[in-house]
C-alpha atoms as a PDB file:
ATOM      1  CA  MET A   1       0.000   0.000   0.000  1.00  0.00           C
ATOM      2  CA  LYS A   2       2.752   2.421   0.774  1.00  0.00           C
ATOM      3  CA  ARG A   3       4.543   1.819  -2.502  1.00  0.00           C
ATOM      4  CA  ARG A   4       1.397   2.661  -4.556  1.00  0.00           C
ATOM      5  CA  GLU A   5       0.931   5.987  -2.834  1.00  0.00           C
ATOM      6  CA  ARG A   6       4.513   7.044  -3.543  1.00  0.00           C
ATOM      7  CA  ARG A   7       4.153   6.217  -7.240  1.00  0.00           C
ATOM      8  CA  SER A   8       0.964   8.255  -7.617  1.00  0.00           C
ATOM      9  CA  THR A   9       2.576  11.269  -6.023  1.00  0.00           C
ATOM     10  CA  GLU A  10       5.576  11.218  -8.334  1.00  0.00           C
ATOM     11  CA  VAL A  11       3.420  10.937 -11.488  1.00  0.00           C
ATOM     12  CA  PHE A  12       1.361  14.007 -10.441  1.00  0.00           C
ATOM     13  CA  SER A  13       4.458  16.031  -9.685  1.00  0.00           C
ATOM     14  CA  MET A  14       6.005  15.449 -13.128  1.00  0.00           C
ATOM     15  CA  SER A  15       2.831  16.461 -14.962  1.00  0.00           C
ATOM     16  CA  PHE A  16       2.561  19.671 -12.982  1.00  0.00           C
ATOM     17  CA  LEU A  17       6.114  20.610 -13.766  1.00  0.00           C
ATOM     18  CA  ASP A  18       5.528  20.032 -17.460  1.00  0.00           C
ATOM     19  CA  VAL A  19       2.549  22.375 -17.429  1.00  0.00           C
ATOM     20  CA  ILE A  20       4.440  25.063 -15.582  1.00  0.00           C
ATOM     21  CA  SER A  21       7.409  24.781 -17.950  1.00  0.00           C
ATOM     22  CA  CYS A  22       5.214  25.131 -20.993  1.00  0.00           C
ATOM     23  CA  GLY A  23       3.581  28.209 -19.538  1.00  0.00           C
ATOM     24  CA  PHE A  24       6.894  29.868 -18.811  1.00  0.00           C
ATOM     25  CA  GLY A  25       8.102  28.999 -22.260  1.00  0.00           C
ATOM     26  CA  ALA A  26       5.081  30.603 -23.880  1.00  0.00           C
ATOM     27  CA  ILE A  27       5.567  33.775 -21.840  1.00  0.00           C
ATOM     28  CA  ILE A  28       9.243  33.951 -22.787  1.00  0.00           C
ATOM     29  CA  LEU A  29       8.343  33.511 -26.442  1.00  0.00           C
ATOM     30  CA  LEU A  30       5.835  36.349 -26.268  1.00  0.00           C
ATOM     31  CA  LEU A  31       8.374  38.594 -24.641  1.00  0.00           C
ATOM     32  CA  VAL A  32      10.984  37.786 -27.288  1.00  0.00           C
ATOM     33  CA  LEU A  33       8.571  38.481 -30.116  1.00  0.00           C
ATOM     34  CA  ASN A  34       7.440  41.798 -28.559  1.00  0.00           C
ATOM     35  CA  GLU A  35      10.997  43.103 -27.980  1.00  0.00           C
ATOM     36  CA  VAL A  36      11.880  42.491 -31.619  1.00  0.00           C
ATOM     37  CA  GLY A  37       9.183  44.904 -32.998  1.00  0.00           C
ATOM     38  CA  GLU A  38       9.239  47.571 -30.298  1.00  0.00           C
ATOM     39  CA  PRO A  39      12.603  49.329 -31.112  1.00  0.00           C
ATOM     40  CA  LEU A  40      11.510  49.847 -34.691  1.00  0.00           C
ATOM     41  CA  GLN A  41       8.254  51.433 -33.610  1.00  0.00           C
ATOM     42  CA  LEU A  42       9.969  53.609 -31.011  1.00  0.00           C
ATOM     43  CA  GLU A  43      12.539  54.835 -33.522  1.00  0.00           C
ATOM     44  CA  GLN A  44       9.836  55.688 -36.056  1.00  0.00           C
ATOM     45  CA  SER A  45       7.793  57.495 -33.415  1.00  0.00           C
ATOM     46  CA  GLN A  46      10.858  59.515 -32.330  1.00  0.00           C
ATOM     47  CA  GLU A  47      11.526  60.571 -35.928  1.00  0.00           C
ATOM     48  CA  ASP A  48       7.911  61.629 -36.374  1.00  0.00           C
ATOM     49  CA  LEU A  49       8.005  63.642 -33.162  1.00  0.00           C
ATOM     50  CA  ASP A  50      11.283  65.369 -34.171  1.00  0.00           C
ATOM     51  CA  ALA A  51       9.796  66.308 -37.531  1.00  0.00           C
ATOM     52  CA  GLN A  52       6.701  67.707 -35.861  1.00  0.00           C
ATOM     53  CA  VAL A  53       8.810  69.709 -33.388  1.00  0.00           C
ATOM     54  CA  ARG A  54      10.904  71.171 -36.234  1.00  0.00           C
ATOM     55  CA  ALA A  55       7.793  72.050 -38.186  1.00  0.00           C
ATOM     56  CA  MET A  56       6.211  73.679 -35.165  1.00  0.00           C
ATOM     57  CA  GLN A  57       9.428  75.633 -34.427  1.00  0.00           C
ATOM     58  CA  GLU A  58       9.558  76.892 -38.012  1.00  0.00           C
ATOM     59  CA  GLU A  59       5.907  77.866 -37.788  1.00  0.00           C
ATOM     60  CA  LEU A  60       6.593  79.623 -34.472  1.00  0.00           C
ATOM     61  CA  TYR A  61       9.505  81.571 -35.988  1.00  0.00           C
ATOM     62  CA  GLU A  62       7.330  82.597 -38.897  1.00  0.00           C
ATOM     63  CA  ILE A  63       4.534  83.692 -36.560  1.00  0.00           C
ATOM     64  CA  ARG A  64       6.998  85.677 -34.440  1.00  0.00           C
ATOM     65  CA  GLY A  65       8.386  87.408 -37.535  1.00  0.00           C
ATOM     66  CA  THR A  66       4.899  88.273 -38.727  1.00  0.00           C
ATOM     67  CA  SER A  67       4.022  89.485 -35.234  1.00  0.00           C
ATOM     68  CA  ASP A  68       7.085  91.772 -35.146  1.00  0.00           C
ATOM     69  CA  VAL A  69       6.176  93.261 -38.507  1.00  0.00           C
ATOM     70  CA  LEU A  70       2.581  93.802 -37.455  1.00  0.00           C
ATOM     71  CA  GLU A  71       3.697  95.301 -34.146  1.00  0.00           C
ATOM     72  CA  ARG A  72       5.966  97.790 -35.935  1.00  0.00           C
ATOM     73  CA  GLU A  73       3.189  98.716 -38.314  1.00  0.00           C
ATOM     74  CA  LEU A  74       0.809  99.127 -35.367  1.00  0.00           C
ATOM     75  CA  ARG A  75       3.232 101.411 -33.535  1.00  0.00           C
ATOM     76  CA  ALA A  76       3.685 103.486 -36.670  1.00  0.00           C
ATOM     77  CA  ARG A  77      -0.077 103.756 -37.112  1.00  0.00           C
ATOM     78  CA  VAL A  78      -0.531 104.696 -33.444  1.00  0.00           C
ATOM     79  CA  GLU A  79       2.141 107.415 -33.710  1.00  0.00           C
ATOM     80  CA  GLN A  80       0.594 108.687 -36.919  1.00  0.00           C
ATOM     81  CA  LEU A  81      -2.825 108.714 -35.271  1.00  0.00           C
ATOM     82  CA  SER A  82      -1.420 110.602 -32.275  1.00  0.00           C
ATOM     83  CA  GLU A  83       0.163 113.194 -34.564  1.00  0.00           C
ATOM     84  CA  GLU A  84      -3.095 113.579 -36.464  1.00  0.00           C
ATOM     85  CA  LYS A  85      -5.016 113.992 -33.209  1.00  0.00           C
ATOM     86  CA  THR A  86      -2.527 116.625 -32.056  1.00  0.00           C
ATOM     87  CA  ARG A  87      -2.817 118.415 -35.378  1.00  0.00           C
ATOM     88  CA  VAL A  88      -6.601 118.295 -35.218  1.00  0.00           C
ATOM     89  CA  ALA A  89      -6.537 119.637 -31.653  1.00  0.00           C
ATOM     90  CA  ARG A  90      -4.179 122.423 -32.720  1.00  0.00           C
ATOM     91  CA  LEU A  91      -6.378 123.308 -35.673  1.00  0.00           C
ATOM     92  CA  ARG A  92      -9.440 123.302 -33.444  1.00  0.00           C
ATOM     93  CA  GLY A  93      -7.620 125.581 -31.023  1.00  0.00           C
ATOM     94  CA  ASP A  94      -6.642 127.913 -33.842  1.00  0.00           C
ATOM     95  CA  LEU A  95     -10.211 127.898 -35.119  1.00  0.00           C
ATOM     96  CA  SER A  96     -11.575 128.603 -31.656  1.00  0.00           C
ATOM     97  CA  GLU A  97      -9.061 131.394 -31.179  1.00  0.00           C
ATOM     98  CA  VAL A  98      -9.871 132.949 -34.559  1.00  0.00           C
ATOM     99  CA  GLU A  99     -13.577 132.738 -33.775  1.00  0.00           C
ATOM    100  CA  GLY A 100     -12.954 134.335 -30.382  1.00  0.00           C
ATOM    101  CA  GLU A 101     -10.862 137.072 -31.950  1.00  0.00           C
ATOM    102  CA  TYR A 102     -13.531 137.670 -34.538  1.00  0.00           C
ATOM    103  CA  ALA A 103     -16.190 137.916 -31.837  1.00  0.00           C
ATOM    104  CA  ALA A 104     -13.954 140.186 -29.767  1.00  0.00           C
ATOM    105  CA  THR A 105     -13.231 142.301 -32.823  1.00  0.00           C
ATOM    106  CA  ARG A 106     -16.929 142.733 -33.448  1.00  0.00           C
ATOM    107  CA  ALA A 107     -17.602 143.433 -29.782  1.00  0.00           C
ATOM    108  CA  GLU A 108     -14.736 145.909 -29.619  1.00  0.00           C
ATOM    109  CA  GLY A 109     -15.191 147.032 -33.210  1.00  0.00           C
ATOM    110  CA  GLU A 110     -15.219 150.734 -32.536  1.00  0.00           C
ATOM    111  CA  THR A 111     -13.600 153.066 -35.002  1.00  0.00           C
ATOM    112  CA  LEU A 112     -10.543 155.068 -33.999  1.00  0.00           C
ATOM    113  CA  GLU A 113     -12.705 158.171 -33.669  1.00  0.00           C
ATOM    114  CA  THR A 114     -15.089 156.356 -31.313  1.00  0.00           C
ATOM    115  CA  LEU A 115     -12.180 155.084 -29.225  1.00  0.00           C
ATOM    116  CA  GLN A 116     -10.776 158.580 -28.999  1.00  0.00           C
ATOM    117  CA  GLY A 117     -14.158 159.889 -27.878  1.00  0.00           C
ATOM    118  CA  THR A 118     -14.406 157.163 -25.254  1.00  0.00           C
ATOM    119  CA  LEU A 119     -10.860 157.906 -24.180  1.00  0.00           C
ATOM    120  CA  SER A 120     -11.606 161.603 -23.818  1.00  0.00           C
ATOM    121  CA  SER A 121     -14.596 160.918 -21.582  1.00  0.00           C
ATOM    122  CA  ALA A 122     -12.563 158.458 -19.472  1.00  0.00           C
ATOM    123  CA  ARG A 123      -9.440 160.612 -19.236  1.00  0.00           C
ATOM    124  CA  GLN A 124      -7.680 160.553 -15.892  1.00  0.00           C
ATOM    125  CA  SER A 125      -8.143 163.650 -13.804  1.00  0.00           C
ATOM    126  CA  LEU A 126      -5.032 165.771 -13.589  1.00  0.00           C
ATOM    127  CA  THR A 127      -3.471 166.168 -10.167  1.00  0.00           C
ATOM    128  CA  ASP A 128      -1.894 169.404  -8.995  1.00  0.00           C
ATOM    129  CA  GLU A 129       1.500 167.783  -9.389  1.00  0.00           C
ATOM    130  CA  MET A 130       0.727 166.863 -13.000  1.00  0.00           C
ATOM    131  CA  LYS A 131      -0.421 170.424 -13.704  1.00  0.00           C
ATOM    132  CA  ARG A 132       2.845 171.714 -12.268  1.00  0.00           C
ATOM    133  CA  LEU A 133       4.886 169.337 -14.373  1.00  0.00           C
ATOM    134  CA  LEU A 134       3.007 170.110 -17.570  1.00  0.00           C
ATOM    135  CA  GLY A 135       3.187 173.866 -17.079  1.00  0.00           C
ATOM    136  CA  SER A 136       0.732 176.695 -17.596  1.00  0.00           C
ATOM    137  CA  ASP A 137      -0.386 175.403 -20.982  1.00  0.00           C
ATOM    138  CA  PHE A 138      -1.008 171.847 -19.712  1.00  0.00           C
ATOM    139  CA  ARG A 139      -4.488 171.696 -21.289  1.00  0.00           C
ATOM    140  CA  ARG A 140      -3.028 172.176 -24.722  1.00  0.00           C
ATOM    141  CA  SER A 141      -0.385 169.544 -23.959  1.00  0.00           C
ATOM    142  CA  VAL A 142      -2.964 167.043 -22.742  1.00  0.00           C
ATOM    143  CA  ASP A 143      -5.120 167.523 -25.821  1.00  0.00           C
ATOM    144  CA  GLN A 144      -2.140 167.135 -28.100  1.00  0.00           C
ATOM    145  CA  PRO A 145      -1.982 163.464 -29.122  1.00  0.00           C
ATOM    146  CA  ILE A 146       0.801 161.386 -30.503  1.00  0.00           C
ATOM    147  CA  GLY A 147      -0.842 159.433 -33.267  1.00  0.00           C
ATOM    148  CA  GLY A 148      -4.212 159.940 -31.549  1.00  0.00           C
ATOM    149  CA  ILE A 149      -2.960 158.955 -28.072  1.00  0.00           C
ATOM    150  CA  PRO A 150      -3.609 161.447 -25.222  1.00  0.00           C
ATOM    151  CA  VAL A 151      -0.867 162.369 -22.779  1.00  0.00           C
ATOM    152  CA  ASP A 152      -1.697 162.914 -19.107  1.00  0.00           C
ATOM    153  CA  SER A 153       0.551 160.758 -16.905  1.00  0.00           C
ATOM    154  CA  GLU A 154       3.428 161.424 -14.523  1.00  0.00           C
ATOM    155  CA  TYR A 155       5.405 158.286 -15.401  1.00  0.00           C
ATOM    156  CA  VAL A 156       6.025 156.786 -18.848  1.00  0.00           C
ATOM    157  CA  ILE A 157       7.087 153.236 -19.733  1.00  0.00           C
ATOM    158  CA  PHE A 158       8.006 152.130 -23.254  1.00  0.00           C
ATOM    159  CA  ILE A 159       7.588 148.440 -24.126  1.00  0.00           C
ATOM    160  CA  VAL A 160       9.374 147.851 -27.440  1.00  0.00           C
ATOM    161  CA  ASP A 161       9.331 144.765 -29.651  1.00  0.00           C
ATOM    162  CA  THR A 162      12.998 144.239 -30.568  1.00  0.00           C
ATOM    163  CA  SER A 163      12.385 141.349 -32.967  1.00  0.00           C
ATOM    164  CA  GLY A 164      13.992 141.024 -36.377  1.00  0.00           C
ATOM    165  CA  SER A 165      10.895 142.227 -38.215  1.00  0.00           C
ATOM    166  CA  MET A 166      10.827 145.453 -36.176  1.00  0.00           C
ATOM    167  CA  GLN A 167      14.567 145.944 -36.631  1.00  0.00           C
ATOM    168  CA  THR A 168      14.274 145.370 -40.375  1.00  0.00           C
ATOM    169  CA  PHE A 169      11.141 147.256 -41.329  1.00  0.00           C
ATOM    170  CA  SER A 170      10.196 149.714 -38.571  1.00  0.00           C
ATOM    171  CA  TRP A 171      13.143 150.601 -36.351  1.00  0.00           C
ATOM    172  CA  GLN A 172      13.623 154.139 -37.682  1.00  0.00           C
ATOM    173  CA  ARG A 173       9.916 154.903 -37.366  1.00  0.00           C
ATOM    174  CA  ALA A 174       9.839 153.426 -33.835  1.00  0.00           C
ATOM    175  CA  GLN A 175      12.697 155.734 -32.860  1.00  0.00           C
ATOM    176  CA  GLN A 176      10.824 158.669 -34.377  1.00  0.00           C
ATOM    177  CA  LYS A 177       7.621 157.808 -32.467  1.00  0.00           C
ATOM    178  CA  MET A 178       9.539 157.493 -29.212  1.00  0.00           C
ATOM    179  CA  ARG A 179      11.050 160.940 -29.782  1.00  0.00           C
ATOM    180  CA  GLU A 180       7.591 162.388 -30.456  1.00  0.00           C
ATOM    181  CA  VAL A 181       6.146 160.825 -27.300  1.00  0.00           C
ATOM    182  CA  LEU A 182       8.987 162.228 -25.195  1.00  0.00           C
ATOM    183  CA  GLU A 183       8.664 165.662 -26.788  1.00  0.00           C
ATOM    184  CA  ILE A 184       5.007 166.089 -25.845  1.00  0.00           C
ATOM    185  CA  TYR A 185       5.816 165.428 -22.173  1.00  0.00           C
ATOM    186  CA  PRO A 186       7.528 168.636 -20.974  1.00  0.00           C
ATOM    187  CA  LYS A 187       8.503 166.953 -17.740  1.00  0.00           C
ATOM    188  CA  VAL A 188       7.709 163.641 -16.022  1.00  0.00           C
ATOM    189  CA  LYS A 189       8.765 162.105 -12.735  1.00  0.00           C
ATOM    190  CA  GLY A 190      10.218 158.977 -14.266  1.00  0.00           C
ATOM    191  CA  ILE A 191      10.849 157.105 -17.531  1.00  0.00           C
ATOM    192  CA  GLN A 192      11.551 153.439 -18.200  1.00  0.00           C
ATOM    193  CA  VAL A 193      12.349 151.531 -21.408  1.00  0.00           C
ATOM    194  CA  MET A 194      11.882 147.752 -21.582  1.00  0.00           C
ATOM    195  CA  ASP A 195      11.871 145.150 -24.330  1.00  0.00           C
ATOM    196  CA  ASP A 196       8.879 142.921 -24.947  1.00  0.00           C
ATOM    197  CA  GLU A 197      10.432 140.201 -22.761  1.00  0.00           C
ATOM    198  CA  GLY A 198      10.561 142.518 -19.752  1.00  0.00           C
ATOM    199  CA  GLY A 199      14.291 143.238 -20.046  1.00  0.00           C
ATOM    200  CA  TYR A 200      15.625 146.727 -19.349  1.00  0.00           C
ATOM    201  CA  MET A 201      17.420 149.011 -21.789  1.00  0.00           C
ATOM    202  CA  PHE A 202      19.534 150.286 -18.862  1.00  0.00           C
ATOM    203  CA  SER A 203      20.326 147.423 -16.504  1.00  0.00           C
ATOM    204  CA  GLU A 204      21.471 149.807 -13.756  1.00  0.00           C
ATOM    205  CA  TYR A 205      17.867 151.049 -13.527  1.00  0.00           C
ATOM    206  CA  ARG A 206      16.300 147.605 -13.235  1.00  0.00           C
ATOM    207  CA  GLY A 207      13.134 147.939 -11.182  1.00  0.00           C
ATOM    208  CA  LYS A 208      13.697 151.705 -10.755  1.00  0.00           C
ATOM    209  CA  TRP A 209      12.602 154.838 -12.575  1.00  0.00           C
ATOM    210  CA  ILE A 210      15.062 156.658 -14.827  1.00  0.00           C
ATOM    211  CA  PRO A 211      15.156 160.310 -13.691  1.00  0.00           C
ATOM    212  CA  ASP A 212      13.870 162.652 -16.364  1.00  0.00           C
ATOM    213  CA  SER A 213      16.310 165.151 -17.851  1.00  0.00           C
ATOM    214  CA  PRO A 214      17.336 166.325 -21.350  1.00  0.00           C
ATOM    215  CA  ALA A 215      20.549 164.335 -21.052  1.00  0.00           C
ATOM    216  CA  ARG A 216      18.676 161.159 -20.097  1.00  0.00           C
ATOM    217  CA  ARG A 217      16.256 161.566 -22.980  1.00  0.00           C
ATOM    218  CA  LYS A 218      19.120 161.994 -25.422  1.00  0.00           C
ATOM    219  CA  ALA A 219      20.831 158.921 -23.986  1.00  0.00           C
ATOM    220  CA  ILE A 220      17.634 156.890 -24.390  1.00  0.00           C
ATOM    221  CA  LEU A 221      17.301 157.854 -28.065  1.00  0.00           C
ATOM    222  CA  ASP A 222      21.006 157.239 -28.732  1.00  0.00           C
ATOM    223  CA  VAL A 223      20.925 153.770 -27.181  1.00  0.00           C
ATOM    224  CA  PHE A 224      17.626 152.970 -28.865  1.00  0.00           C
ATOM    225  CA  ARG A 225      19.170 153.469 -32.304  1.00  0.00           C
ATOM    226  CA  ARG A 226      21.572 150.554 -31.783  1.00  0.00           C
ATOM    227  CA  TRP A 227      19.579 148.591 -29.186  1.00  0.00           C
ATOM    228  CA  GLN A 228      19.373 144.829 -29.743  1.00  0.00           C
ATOM    229  CA  SER A 229      17.663 142.377 -27.430  1.00  0.00           C
ATOM    230  CA  PHE A 230      16.075 138.934 -27.642  1.00  0.00           C
ATOM    231  CA  SER A 231      12.392 138.974 -28.556  1.00  0.00           C
ATOM    232  CA  ASN A 232       9.691 136.349 -28.999  1.00  0.00           C
ATOM    233  CA  SER A 233       7.516 138.794 -30.974  1.00  0.00           C
ATOM    234  CA  SER A 234       4.978 139.138 -28.181  1.00  0.00           C
ATOM    235  CA  PRO A 235       4.576 142.175 -25.883  1.00  0.00           C
ATOM    236  CA  VAL A 236       2.800 140.257 -23.137  1.00  0.00           C
ATOM    237  CA  GLU A 237       5.782 139.529 -20.887  1.00  0.00           C
ATOM    238  CA  GLY A 238       6.905 143.147 -21.027  1.00  0.00           C
ATOM    239  CA  ILE A 239       3.456 144.548 -20.217  1.00  0.00           C
ATOM    240  CA  VAL A 240       2.931 142.180 -17.287  1.00  0.00           C
ATOM    241  CA  ALA A 241       6.442 142.812 -15.905  1.00  0.00           C
ATOM    242  CA  ALA A 242       5.991 146.592 -16.171  1.00  0.00           C
ATOM    243  CA  ILE A 243       2.646 146.612 -14.349  1.00  0.00           C
ATOM    244  CA  ARG A 244       3.767 144.227 -11.603  1.00  0.00           C
ATOM    245  CA  THR A 245       7.008 146.125 -11.028  1.00  0.00           C
ATOM    246  CA  PHE A 246       5.897 149.747 -11.253  1.00  0.00           C
ATOM    247  CA  TYR A 247       2.214 149.706 -10.310  1.00  0.00           C
ATOM    248  CA  SER A 248       1.413 152.108  -7.491  1.00  0.00           C
ATOM    249  CA  PRO A 249      -1.926 153.483  -6.276  1.00  0.00           C
ATOM    250  CA  GLU A 250      -0.310 156.923  -5.937  1.00  0.00           C
ATOM    251  CA  ASN A 251       1.207 157.134  -9.424  1.00  0.00           C
ATOM    252  CA  ARG A 252      -0.349 157.860 -12.818  1.00  0.00           C
ATOM    253  CA  ILE A 253       1.492 155.671 -15.298  1.00  0.00           C
ATOM    254  CA  SER A 254       1.216 155.285 -19.064  1.00  0.00           C
ATOM    255  CA  ILE A 255       2.624 152.338 -20.980  1.00  0.00           C
ATOM    256  CA  TYR A 256       3.432 152.773 -24.663  1.00  0.00           C
ATOM    257  CA  VAL A 257       3.703 149.501 -26.554  1.00  0.00           C
ATOM    258  CA  PHE A 258       5.586 149.537 -29.875  1.00  0.00           C
ATOM    259  CA  GLY A 259       5.227 146.295 -31.828  1.00  0.00           C
ATOM    260  CA  ASP A 260       4.163 144.474 -34.954  1.00  0.00           C
ATOM    261  CA  GLU A 261       3.315 140.890 -33.888  1.00  0.00           C
ATOM    262  CA  PHE A 262       1.639 138.773 -31.238  1.00  0.00           C
ATOM    263  CA  THR A 263       2.726 135.118 -31.294  1.00  0.00           C
ATOM    264  CA  GLY A 264       1.286 134.093 -27.923  1.00  0.00           C
ATOM    265  CA  PRO A 265      -1.242 131.263 -27.552  1.00  0.00           C
ATOM    266  CA  SER A 266      -4.307 133.142 -26.297  1.00  0.00           C
ATOM    267  CA  ILE A 267      -5.534 136.733 -26.531  1.00  0.00           C
ATOM    268  CA  GLN A 268      -8.182 136.213 -23.862  1.00  0.00           C
ATOM    269  CA  ASP A 269      -5.647 134.937 -21.313  1.00  0.00           C
ATOM    270  CA  VAL A 270      -3.585 138.103 -21.765  1.00  0.00           C
ATOM    271  CA  VAL A 271      -6.641 140.347 -21.403  1.00  0.00           C
ATOM    272  CA  ASP A 272      -7.696 138.542 -18.221  1.00  0.00           C
ATOM    273  CA  THR A 273      -4.193 138.679 -16.711  1.00  0.00           C
ATOM    274  CA  VAL A 274      -3.753 142.407 -17.345  1.00  0.00           C
ATOM    275  CA  GLU A 275      -7.229 143.150 -15.999  1.00  0.00           C
ATOM    276  CA  ARG A 276      -6.386 141.223 -12.818  1.00  0.00           C
ATOM    277  CA  ILE A 277      -3.080 142.980 -12.080  1.00  0.00           C
ATOM    278  CA  ASN A 278      -3.946 146.503 -13.327  1.00  0.00           C
ATOM    279  CA  ARG A 279      -6.250 147.437 -10.461  1.00  0.00           C
ATOM    280  CA  LYS A 280      -8.602 150.390 -10.699  1.00  0.00           C
ATOM    281  CA  ASP A 281      -8.740 153.477  -8.509  1.00  0.00           C
ATOM    282  CA  ARG A 282     -11.744 154.766  -6.589  1.00  0.00           C
ATOM    283  CA  SER A 283     -13.210 156.332  -9.709  1.00  0.00           C
ATOM    284  CA  GLY A 284     -13.069 153.012 -11.534  1.00  0.00           C
ATOM    285  CA  GLN A 285     -10.183 153.993 -13.815  1.00  0.00           C
ATOM    286  CA  PRO A 286      -7.110 151.742 -14.215  1.00  0.00           C
ATOM    287  CA  ARG A 287      -3.985 153.091 -12.571  1.00  0.00           C
ATOM    288  CA  VAL A 288      -1.801 152.086 -15.521  1.00  0.00           C
ATOM    289  CA  ARG A 289      -2.978 153.392 -18.862  1.00  0.00           C
ATOM    290  CA  ILE A 290      -1.992 151.276 -21.873  1.00  0.00           C
ATOM    291  CA  HIS A 291      -1.439 152.808 -25.322  1.00  0.00           C
ATOM    292  CA  ALA A 292      -0.038 151.037 -28.368  1.00  0.00           C
ATOM    293  CA  ILE A 293       1.315 151.806 -31.807  1.00  0.00           C
ATOM    294  CA  GLY A 294       1.211 148.957 -34.298  1.00  0.00           C
ATOM    295  CA  PHE A 295       3.796 148.782 -37.047  1.00  0.00           C
ATOM    296  CA  PRO A 296       3.158 146.787 -40.260  1.00  0.00           C
ATOM    297  CA  LEU A 297       5.287 143.724 -40.833  1.00  0.00           C
ATOM    298  CA  GLY A 298       6.494 144.902 -44.206  1.00  0.00           C
ATOM    299  CA  PRO A 299       5.754 144.152 -47.858  1.00  0.00           C
ATOM    300  CA  ASN A 300       5.091 140.561 -48.966  1.00  0.00           C
ATOM    301  CA  VAL A 301       5.034 139.282 -45.373  1.00  0.00           C
ATOM    302  CA  PRO A 302       2.055 137.255 -44.007  1.00  0.00           C
ATOM    303  CA  GLN A 303       0.023 139.502 -41.739  1.00  0.00           C
ATOM    304  CA  TYR A 304      -1.627 136.919 -39.471  1.00  0.00           C
ATOM    305  CA  THR A 305       0.473 137.693 -36.377  1.00  0.00           C
ATOM    306  CA  SER A 306       0.201 141.405 -37.127  1.00  0.00           C
ATOM    307  CA  VAL A 307      -3.599 141.158 -37.123  1.00  0.00           C
ATOM    308  CA  ARG A 308      -3.445 139.292 -33.801  1.00  0.00           C
ATOM    309  CA  PHE A 309      -1.252 142.062 -32.354  1.00  0.00           C
ATOM    310  CA  ALA A 310      -3.745 144.702 -33.480  1.00  0.00           C
ATOM    311  CA  THR A 311      -6.662 142.713 -32.037  1.00  0.00           C
ATOM    312  CA  LEU A 312      -4.927 142.194 -28.693  1.00  0.00           C
ATOM    313  CA  MET A 313      -3.749 145.780 -28.296  1.00  0.00           C
ATOM    314  CA  ARG A 314      -7.065 147.280 -29.352  1.00  0.00           C
ATOM    315  CA  ILE A 315      -8.809 145.302 -26.611  1.00  0.00           C
ATOM    316  CA  LEU A 316      -6.108 146.033 -24.000  1.00  0.00           C
ATOM    317  CA  CYS A 317      -6.072 149.746 -24.802  1.00  0.00           C
ATOM    318  CA  ALA A 318      -9.871 150.024 -24.735  1.00  0.00           C
ATOM    319  CA  ARG A 319     -10.077 148.263 -21.364  1.00  0.00           C
ATOM    320  CA  ASN A 320      -7.138 150.083 -19.789  1.00  0.00           C
ATOM    321  CA  GLY A 321      -7.879 153.702 -20.619  1.00  0.00           C
ATOM    322  CA  GLY A 322      -5.698 153.953 -23.714  1.00  0.00           C
ATOM    323  CA  THR A 323      -5.963 153.759 -27.456  1.00  0.00           C
ATOM    324  CA  PHE A 324      -4.396 151.816 -30.286  1.00  0.00           C
ATOM    325  CA  VAL A 325      -3.031 153.363 -33.465  1.00  0.00           C
ATOM    326  CA  GLY A 326      -2.039 151.172 -36.380  1.00  0.00           C
ATOM    327  CA  LEU A 327       0.445 152.523 -38.912  1.00  0.00           C
ATOM    328  CA  THR A 328      -0.001 151.535 -42.551  1.00  0.00           C
ATOM    329  CA  ASP A 329       2.380 150.270 -45.188  1.00  0.00           C
ATOM    330  CA  ASP A 330       2.299 153.709 -46.804  1.00  0.00           C
ATOM    331  CA  SER A 331       4.184 155.097 -43.829  1.00  0.00           C
ATOM    332  CA  PHE A 332       7.237 152.845 -44.243  1.00  0.00           C
ATOM    333  CA  GLY A 333      10.339 154.829 -43.520  1.00  0.00           C
ATOM    334  CA  GLY A 334      12.982 152.127 -43.553  1.00  0.00           C
ATOM    335  CA  GLY A 335      14.522 149.842 -40.987  1.00  0.00           C
ATOM    336  CA  ARG A 336      17.535 150.250 -38.724  1.00  0.00           C
ATOM    337  CA  ARG A 337      19.974 153.006 -39.488  1.00  0.00           C
ATOM    338  CA  GLY A 338      23.331 153.391 -37.841  1.00  0.00           C
END
């Protein structure tokens, strides 16, 4: 009995081992077959991926190049648009300014005779000191105008445009008009001569009055003949500097503006500024009277800035107790003479 049991056990063990061996053999065969095909597939896949990467990189470079070109074009268009907007804004400003000047011209469109009549009715009252300075025939002196401008002040300030156009076309006439203004004042308490930037002809009298005397008047005319100073072709800075420096409630002051152009940005701003700093006395009259003589720019020269000067000064003179006189081309007398 024992021998039979041992034989059965050995037969079963051999069969089991055979089955297991066959199974392992099949698995090994499958693994061998799979490893043979896989490297080829991996290599092909790697080549396909490399080709796709190269294609995508080339496409990316092309897109970046196109993007750079488009970005440059966009910047150029934006800059062009900004310039056009600035130009449009400037043109609109010019249009608005011209419209304002036109409206102001119509509002202030009095003839020279009307302005002189208004000026006569608004003339400053003469003080005893002014009567003494002007002498016994002061009434005749007051009624005697220089180019239609009345004379009735104790202090006189000249604001002169020293630009190239004035030097070229009107310097001799400006010197003549200054001499005429000085001649109709027998005696004043003080004189001052400034350029349109607010600079002084005589630096030693900066911020002070030049004492009046025949010798001083001669010196002023002599220096004026050869006077040269920087100018931006706008009298505004000179007018404002003169009023702020020399304004006094006790003094009667007249400013004489000689010029041919106004190149500033806004007429209304100038009018408002002068009205704010040139305070009125108890009778409602401005302490500083503003007169102006306008000189033409010369033949074959655009007159736009000259018209703006005339518009500005006519308004300033009318609002500050003075008058504006514009000289014509017919009165050309030459430019600078040595």
